[in-house]
Amino acid sequence: MAQEKLGTAQWVLERQLEWVSNSEVKAGFITTIDIAMLGGLAVAFTACTNRDAVDFVTYP
């Protein structure tokens, strides 16, 4: 009986660790994309001759 409970607890722990590791990989990928997009926005803003942020965002 104790061996069965230990096996079940081990199985649950392995599933939870797998879930956490998968979410960490996805979070790292999403963070990388977000930082790249922020960098692109910074470059576009710096290249803009009109430095007014409101005009930059609402430019047609």
N, C-alpha and C. Protein backbone atom coordinates (compact mmCIF):
# COMPACT_ATOMS: atom_id res chain seq x y z
N MET A 1 0.82 -1.20 0.00
CA MET A 1 0.00 0.00 0.00
C MET A 1 0.87 1.27 0.00
N ALA A 2 1.89 1.29 0.84
CA ALA A 2 2.78 2.45 0.91
C ALA A 2 3.56 2.60 -0.39
N GLN A 3 3.92 1.47 -1.00
CA GLN A 3 4.67 1.50 -2.26
C GLN A 3 3.79 2.08 -3.38
N GLU A 4 2.51 1.77 -3.34
CA GLU A 4 1.58 2.30 -4.34
C GLU A 4 1.40 3.81 -4.17
N LYS A 5 1.29 4.27 -2.95
CA LYS A 5 1.18 5.71 -2.68
C LYS A 5 2.43 6.45 -3.11
N LEU A 6 3.59 5.83 -2.86
CA LEU A 6 4.85 6.43 -3.27
C LEU A 6 4.93 6.53 -4.79
N GLY A 7 4.51 5.47 -5.47
CA GLY A 7 4.50 5.50 -6.94
C GLY A 7 3.58 6.56 -7.49
N THR A 8 2.40 6.70 -6.88
CA THR A 8 1.45 7.73 -7.32
C THR A 8 2.01 9.12 -7.07
N ALA A 9 2.60 9.34 -5.91
CA ALA A 9 3.18 10.65 -5.60
C ALA A 9 4.33 10.98 -6.55
N GLN A 10 5.12 9.99 -6.89
CA GLN A 10 6.22 10.18 -7.82
C GLN A 10 5.69 10.57 -9.20
N TRP A 11 4.63 9.88 -9.63
CA TRP A 11 4.04 10.15 -10.94
C TRP A 11 3.49 11.58 -10.99
N VAL A 12 2.80 12.00 -9.92
CA VAL A 12 2.24 13.35 -9.85
C VAL A 12 3.36 14.39 -9.87
N LEU A 13 4.42 14.15 -9.12
CA LEU A 13 5.55 15.08 -9.09
C LEU A 13 6.19 15.19 -10.47
N GLU A 14 6.37 14.08 -11.17
CA GLU A 14 6.96 14.12 -12.51
C GLU A 14 6.10 14.92 -13.47
N ARG A 15 4.79 14.74 -13.39
CA ARG A 15 3.89 15.51 -14.26
C ARG A 15 3.96 17.00 -13.96
N GLN A 16 4.00 17.35 -12.70
CA GLN A 16 4.08 18.77 -12.34
C GLN A 16 5.40 19.39 -12.78
N LEU A 17 6.49 18.66 -12.61
CA LEU A 17 7.80 19.18 -13.05
C LEU A 17 7.85 19.35 -14.56
N GLU A 18 7.23 18.43 -15.29
CA GLU A 18 7.18 18.54 -16.74
C GLU A 18 6.38 19.77 -17.16
N TRP A 19 5.25 20.01 -16.48
CA TRP A 19 4.42 21.17 -16.77
C TRP A 19 5.19 22.47 -16.52
N VAL A 20 5.90 22.53 -15.42
CA VAL A 20 6.67 23.73 -15.08
C VAL A 20 7.78 23.96 -16.09
N SER A 21 8.49 22.91 -16.48
CA SER A 21 9.59 23.09 -17.43
C SER A 21 9.06 23.53 -18.79
N ASN A 22 7.91 23.01 -19.21
CA ASN A 22 7.33 23.44 -20.48
C ASN A 22 6.92 24.90 -20.44
N SER A 23 6.36 25.34 -19.34
CA SER A 23 5.94 26.74 -19.25
C SER A 23 7.15 27.67 -19.17
N GLU A 24 8.24 27.23 -18.57
CA GLU A 24 9.45 28.06 -18.52
C GLU A 24 10.02 28.29 -19.91
N VAL A 25 10.00 27.26 -20.74
CA VAL A 25 10.51 27.39 -22.11
C VAL A 25 9.65 28.38 -22.89
N LYS A 26 8.32 28.26 -22.75
CA LYS A 26 7.43 29.17 -23.46
C LYS A 26 7.59 30.61 -22.97
N ALA A 27 7.74 30.79 -21.68
CA ALA A 27 7.90 32.13 -21.13
C ALA A 27 9.20 32.76 -21.63
N GLY A 28 10.27 31.99 -21.72
CA GLY A 28 11.53 32.51 -22.24
C GLY A 28 11.41 32.94 -23.69
N PHE A 29 10.71 32.14 -24.48
CA PHE A 29 10.53 32.46 -25.90
C PHE A 29 9.70 33.73 -26.05
N ILE A 30 8.62 33.83 -25.30
CA ILE A 30 7.75 35.00 -25.39
C ILE A 30 8.48 36.26 -24.92
N THR A 31 9.27 36.14 -23.87
CA THR A 31 10.04 37.29 -23.38
C THR A 31 11.04 37.76 -24.43
N THR A 32 11.68 36.82 -25.12
CA THR A 32 12.63 37.18 -26.17
C THR A 32 11.94 37.94 -27.29
N ILE A 33 10.78 37.46 -27.71
CA ILE A 33 10.03 38.14 -28.78
C ILE A 33 9.60 39.54 -28.32
N ASP A 34 9.14 39.66 -27.08
CA ASP A 34 8.72 40.96 -26.57
C ASP A 34 9.87 41.96 -26.54
N ILE A 35 11.03 41.52 -26.11
CA ILE A 35 12.19 42.42 -26.05
C ILE A 35 12.61 42.83 -27.45
N ALA A 36 12.55 41.90 -28.40
CA ALA A 36 12.89 42.24 -29.78
C ALA A 36 11.91 43.26 -30.36
N MET A 37 10.63 43.10 -30.06
CA MET A 37 9.64 44.06 -30.55
C MET A 37 9.84 45.44 -29.90
N LEU A 38 10.19 45.44 -28.63
CA LEU A 38 10.46 46.71 -27.95
C LEU A 38 11.68 47.38 -28.56
N GLY A 39 12.70 46.62 -28.90
CA GLY A 39 13.88 47.17 -29.55
C GLY A 39 13.55 47.76 -30.91
N GLY A 40 12.71 47.05 -31.67
CA GLY A 40 12.28 47.57 -32.97
C GLY A 40 11.51 48.87 -32.84
N LEU A 41 10.67 48.94 -31.83
CA LEU A 41 9.91 50.17 -31.59
C LEU A 41 10.85 51.32 -31.20
N ALA A 42 11.86 51.00 -30.40
CA ALA A 42 12.83 52.03 -30.00
C ALA A 42 13.61 52.55 -31.22
N VAL A 43 13.99 51.65 -32.11
CA VAL A 43 14.70 52.07 -33.32
C VAL A 43 13.81 52.92 -34.19
N ALA A 44 12.55 52.51 -34.35
CA ALA A 44 11.62 53.29 -35.17
C ALA A 44 11.38 54.67 -34.56
N PHE A 45 11.27 54.73 -33.25
CA PHE A 45 11.05 56.01 -32.59
C PHE A 45 12.27 56.92 -32.72
N THR A 46 13.46 56.33 -32.64
CA THR A 46 14.68 57.13 -32.76
C THR A 46 14.86 57.64 -34.18
N ALA A 47 14.44 56.85 -35.15
CA ALA A 47 14.59 57.26 -36.55
C ALA A 47 13.55 58.29 -36.96
N CYS A 48 12.53 58.45 -36.17
CA CYS A 48 11.47 59.40 -36.48
C CYS A 48 11.99 60.83 -36.29
N THR A 49 11.70 61.70 -37.26
CA THR A 49 12.15 63.09 -37.13
C THR A 49 11.26 63.86 -36.18
N ASN A 50 10.02 63.46 -36.07
CA ASN A 50 9.10 64.12 -35.15
C ASN A 50 9.17 63.35 -33.82
N ARG A 51 9.70 63.97 -32.77
CA ARG A 51 9.94 63.28 -31.50
C ARG A 51 8.73 63.27 -30.57
N ASP A 52 7.61 63.80 -31.02
CA ASP A 52 6.42 63.80 -30.17
C ASP A 52 5.81 62.40 -30.15
N ALA A 53 5.77 61.80 -28.98
CA ALA A 53 5.32 60.41 -28.87
C ALA A 53 3.86 60.26 -29.28
N VAL A 54 3.05 61.23 -28.99
CA VAL A 54 1.62 61.13 -29.37
C VAL A 54 1.47 61.12 -30.88
N ASP A 55 2.20 61.99 -31.55
CA ASP A 55 2.14 62.01 -33.01
C ASP A 55 2.72 60.72 -33.59
N PHE A 56 3.73 60.17 -32.95
CA PHE A 56 4.35 58.95 -33.44
C PHE A 56 3.37 57.78 -33.37
N VAL A 57 2.64 57.68 -32.27
CA VAL A 57 1.71 56.57 -32.10
C VAL A 57 0.48 56.73 -32.97
N THR A 58 0.00 57.94 -33.13
CA THR A 58 -1.23 58.16 -33.89
C THR A 58 -0.96 58.51 -35.36
N TYR A 59 0.24 58.31 -35.85
CA TYR A 59 0.57 58.62 -37.23
C TYR A 59 -0.26 57.75 -38.15
N PRO A 60 -0.91 58.34 -39.16
CA PRO A 60 -1.81 57.55 -40.05
C PRO A 60 -1.08 56.56 -40.88
